[in-house]
Protein backbone atom coordinates (compact mmCIF):
# COMPACT_ATOMS: atom_id res chain seq x y z
CA UNK A 1 115.53 45.70 129.96
CA UNK A 2 115.05 41.95 130.30
CA UNK A 3 117.22 41.43 127.21
CA UNK A 4 120.12 43.12 128.99
CA UNK A 5 120.30 40.84 132.03
CA UNK A 6 121.70 37.43 132.88
CA UNK A 7 119.65 34.97 134.92
CA UNK A 8 121.95 32.78 137.03
CA UNK A 9 120.88 29.50 138.66
CA UNK A 10 122.65 29.35 142.04
CA UNK A 11 122.91 25.56 141.72
CA UNK A 12 125.87 26.30 139.45
CA UNK A 13 127.92 27.62 142.38
CA UNK A 14 127.92 24.65 144.75
CA UNK A 15 131.64 23.96 144.74
CA UNK A 16 134.91 25.69 145.40
CA UNK A 17 136.34 27.57 142.44
CA UNK A 18 137.16 24.84 139.95
CA UNK A 19 137.60 25.34 136.20
CA UNK A 20 136.34 28.89 136.46
CA UNK A 21 133.16 28.10 138.42
CA UNK A 22 132.20 30.75 140.92
CA UNK A 23 132.05 28.79 144.21
CA UNK A 24 129.60 28.92 147.11
CA UNK A 25 131.68 31.32 149.21
CA UNK A 26 131.76 33.84 146.40
CA UNK A 27 127.99 33.64 145.89
CA UNK A 28 127.47 34.29 149.61
CA UNK A 29 129.46 37.51 149.21
CA UNK A 30 127.20 38.53 146.32
CA UNK A 31 124.07 37.80 148.36
CA UNK A 32 125.35 39.96 151.22
CA UNK A 33 124.87 43.03 149.00
CA UNK A 34 121.14 42.37 148.65
CA UNK A 35 118.66 44.35 150.73
CA UNK A 36 114.88 44.63 150.72
CA UNK A 37 113.64 46.83 153.56
CA UNK A 38 110.08 46.70 152.20
CA UNK A 39 109.89 42.95 152.88
CA UNK A 40 112.49 41.53 155.31
CA UNK A 41 111.31 37.97 154.56
CA UNK A 42 112.48 38.38 150.94
CA UNK A 43 115.95 39.38 152.13
CA UNK A 44 116.09 36.75 154.86
CA UNK A 45 115.20 33.93 152.49
CA UNK A 46 117.86 34.86 149.94
CA UNK A 47 120.67 35.25 152.46
CA UNK A 48 119.82 32.50 154.93
CA UNK A 49 117.83 29.84 153.10
CA UNK A 50 118.09 29.99 149.31
CA UNK A 51 121.28 27.95 149.02
CA UNK A 52 120.15 25.22 151.44
CA UNK A 53 116.72 24.99 149.80
CA UNK A 54 118.38 24.56 146.42
CA UNK A 55 120.79 21.91 147.74
CA UNK A 56 117.85 19.96 149.18
CA UNK A 57 115.84 20.32 145.94
CA UNK A 58 113.06 22.15 147.78
CA UNK A 59 113.31 25.06 145.35
CA UNK A 60 115.80 26.75 143.02
CA UNK A 61 116.80 30.41 143.24
CA UNK A 62 117.81 32.47 140.22
CA UNK A 63 119.82 35.68 140.53
CA UNK A 64 119.30 38.47 138.00
CA UNK A 65 122.43 40.43 137.05
CA UNK A 66 122.84 43.48 134.82
CA UNK A 67 124.91 42.77 131.72
CA UNK A 68 126.32 46.30 131.92
CA UNK A 69 128.14 46.04 135.25
CA UNK A 70 127.22 42.64 136.77
CA UNK A 71 125.14 44.35 139.47
CA UNK A 72 122.66 42.13 141.32
CA UNK A 73 119.25 43.58 140.43
CA UNK A 74 116.95 41.00 142.00
CA UNK A 75 116.07 37.34 142.24
CA UNK A 76 113.26 34.83 142.02
CA UNK A 77 112.76 31.36 143.44
CA UNK A 78 110.82 28.57 141.73
CA UNK A 79 109.54 25.17 142.78
CA UNK A 80 106.69 22.76 142.07
CA UNK A 81 103.99 22.22 144.67
CA UNK A 82 100.58 20.56 144.94
CA UNK A 83 97.60 22.89 145.24
CA UNK A 84 93.84 22.60 145.65
CA UNK A 85 91.72 25.08 143.73
CA UNK A 86 88.14 26.07 144.45
CA UNK A 87 86.75 26.67 140.94
CA UNK A 88 83.79 28.82 142.02
CA UNK A 89 85.38 32.12 140.97
CA UNK A 90 87.11 30.87 137.82
CA UNK A 91 85.81 31.23 134.28
CA UNK A 92 84.60 28.16 132.41
CA UNK A 93 87.59 28.44 130.07
CA UNK A 94 90.06 28.35 132.96
CA UNK A 95 88.18 25.46 134.58
CA UNK A 96 88.37 23.41 131.37
CA UNK A 97 92.11 24.04 131.01
CA UNK A 98 92.84 23.19 134.65
CA UNK A 99 90.75 20.02 134.37
CA UNK A 100 93.26 18.65 131.82
CA UNK A 101 96.05 18.48 134.38
CA UNK A 102 94.16 17.84 137.62
CA UNK A 103 91.80 15.55 139.45
CA UNK A 104 88.50 16.86 140.81
CA UNK A 105 87.15 15.96 144.22
CA UNK A 106 83.53 14.81 143.68
CA UNK A 107 82.53 15.95 147.18
CA UNK A 108 83.68 19.58 147.17
CA UNK A 109 84.45 20.13 143.48
CA UNK A 110 88.02 21.28 144.13
CA UNK A 111 90.77 20.57 141.62
CA UNK A 112 94.04 19.04 142.88
CA UNK A 113 97.17 19.39 140.78
CA UNK A 114 100.88 20.10 140.80
CA UNK A 115 101.78 23.62 139.70
CA UNK A 116 104.79 25.85 139.30
CA UNK A 117 105.20 28.14 142.31
CA UNK A 118 106.96 31.50 142.19
CA UNK A 119 107.96 31.20 145.83
CA UNK A 120 110.00 34.41 146.06
CA UNK A 121 110.29 37.52 143.90
CA UNK A 122 112.35 40.45 145.04
CA UNK A 123 114.25 43.50 143.81
CA UNK A 124 117.55 44.64 145.32
CA UNK A 125 117.15 48.01 147.07
CA UNK A 126 120.88 48.47 147.77
CA UNK A 127 122.21 51.73 146.33
CA UNK A 128 119.04 52.30 144.30
CA UNK A 129 119.32 49.06 142.31
CA UNK A 130 115.53 48.73 142.54
CA UNK A 131 115.18 51.54 139.99
CA UNK A 132 117.10 49.55 137.37
CA UNK A 133 114.50 46.81 136.96
CA UNK A 134 110.74 46.89 137.39
CA UNK A 135 108.64 44.36 139.26
CA UNK A 136 106.92 43.52 135.99
CA UNK A 137 110.25 42.79 134.30
CA UNK A 138 111.35 40.58 137.19
CA UNK A 139 108.05 38.68 137.05
CA UNK A 140 108.43 38.30 133.27
CA UNK A 141 111.86 36.72 133.79
CA UNK A 142 110.38 34.23 136.26
CA UNK A 143 107.56 33.37 133.85
CA UNK A 144 110.04 33.03 130.99
CA UNK A 145 112.02 30.48 133.01
CA UNK A 146 108.81 28.59 133.79
CA UNK A 147 107.97 28.55 130.08
CA UNK A 148 111.35 26.92 129.43
CA UNK A 149 110.62 24.27 132.09
CA UNK A 150 107.13 23.78 130.72
CA UNK A 151 108.57 23.06 127.28
CA UNK A 152 110.74 20.31 128.81
CA UNK A 153 108.34 18.67 131.26
CA UNK A 154 104.82 20.02 130.63
CA UNK A 155 102.37 21.61 133.06
CA UNK A 156 100.32 24.75 132.55
CA UNK A 157 99.53 26.38 135.90
CA UNK A 158 101.74 28.81 137.82
CA UNK A 159 100.79 30.32 141.15
CA UNK A 160 102.15 32.63 143.81
CA UNK A 161 101.18 34.10 147.16
CA UNK A 162 101.09 37.79 148.04
CA UNK A 163 99.98 40.05 150.85
CA UNK A 164 96.51 41.48 150.34
CA UNK A 165 97.11 45.15 149.67
CA UNK A 166 95.88 47.35 146.85
CA UNK A 167 99.27 47.77 145.19
CA UNK A 168 100.10 44.05 144.99
CA UNK A 169 96.58 42.98 144.04
CA UNK A 170 96.51 45.54 141.23
CA UNK A 171 99.97 44.43 140.10
CA UNK A 172 99.15 40.73 139.92
CA UNK A 173 95.46 40.78 139.00
CA UNK A 174 95.07 43.80 136.73
CA UNK A 175 98.54 44.21 135.25
CA UNK A 176 99.60 40.56 134.99
CA UNK A 177 96.26 38.71 134.83
CA UNK A 178 96.58 36.35 137.79
CA UNK A 179 93.35 35.07 139.37
CA UNK A 180 92.66 34.60 143.08
CA UNK A 181 91.88 31.08 144.21
CA UNK A 182 92.54 30.92 147.95
CA UNK A 183 94.05 32.35 151.14
CA UNK A 184 96.77 30.87 153.33
CA UNK A 185 97.84 31.91 156.82
CA UNK A 186 101.55 32.10 157.56
CA UNK A 187 104.05 33.97 159.75
CA UNK A 188 106.47 36.82 159.18
CA UNK A 189 110.11 36.25 160.11
CA UNK A 190 109.18 38.19 163.28
CA UNK A 191 106.69 35.45 164.21
CA UNK A 192 103.55 37.55 163.66
CA UNK A 193 100.77 35.82 161.72
CA UNK A 194 99.38 37.20 158.48
CA UNK A 195 97.34 36.06 155.50
CA UNK A 196 98.55 35.57 151.96
CA UNK A 197 96.30 35.66 148.91
CA UNK A 198 96.93 32.79 146.48
CA UNK A 199 96.78 33.69 142.79
CA UNK A 200 97.19 31.60 139.66
CA UNK A 201 97.73 31.97 135.94
CA UNK A 202 97.10 29.33 133.28
CA UNK A 203 99.93 29.40 130.74
């Protein structure tokens, strides 16, 4: 499946239609067709924040289109952020690899480093589009893009944050080999607080 899609960086649309470029107004129309009832924050970010975040270099959002009919199947958002990692639950191999690209606090033993963050990852549920790409395929596309960036600028750690439920933890930990390293408290778009599990993978 992932060989039959096009990954589009929305930074390419920040102009009116000139020389065949798509234009910001047109991309907004495309985003309006995206829905994700399972996680309103995923939908809200894409429609209301993704373009501004990309313009301000806070993150970059990539849209995933089917090569068959140009349908929007999903998206992911990447950025680079500093993290602190408690190594207590990591294997010695992972610790050694992280130590190459981090500094360790002598007082608490935590590693501090910059890492690639998969800030958003979402499938389009409009008209059953979610059945045309799996979560694993969407994650693989995000990791493939990070591998391309890694080839250009280096780095070796990618992380993400997810709600602590059995489905997501099984997906990230068992199926895709991410490791937990922390918990962060945040808010839903409704304002209610909740906790996100932080998970990492060493590339």
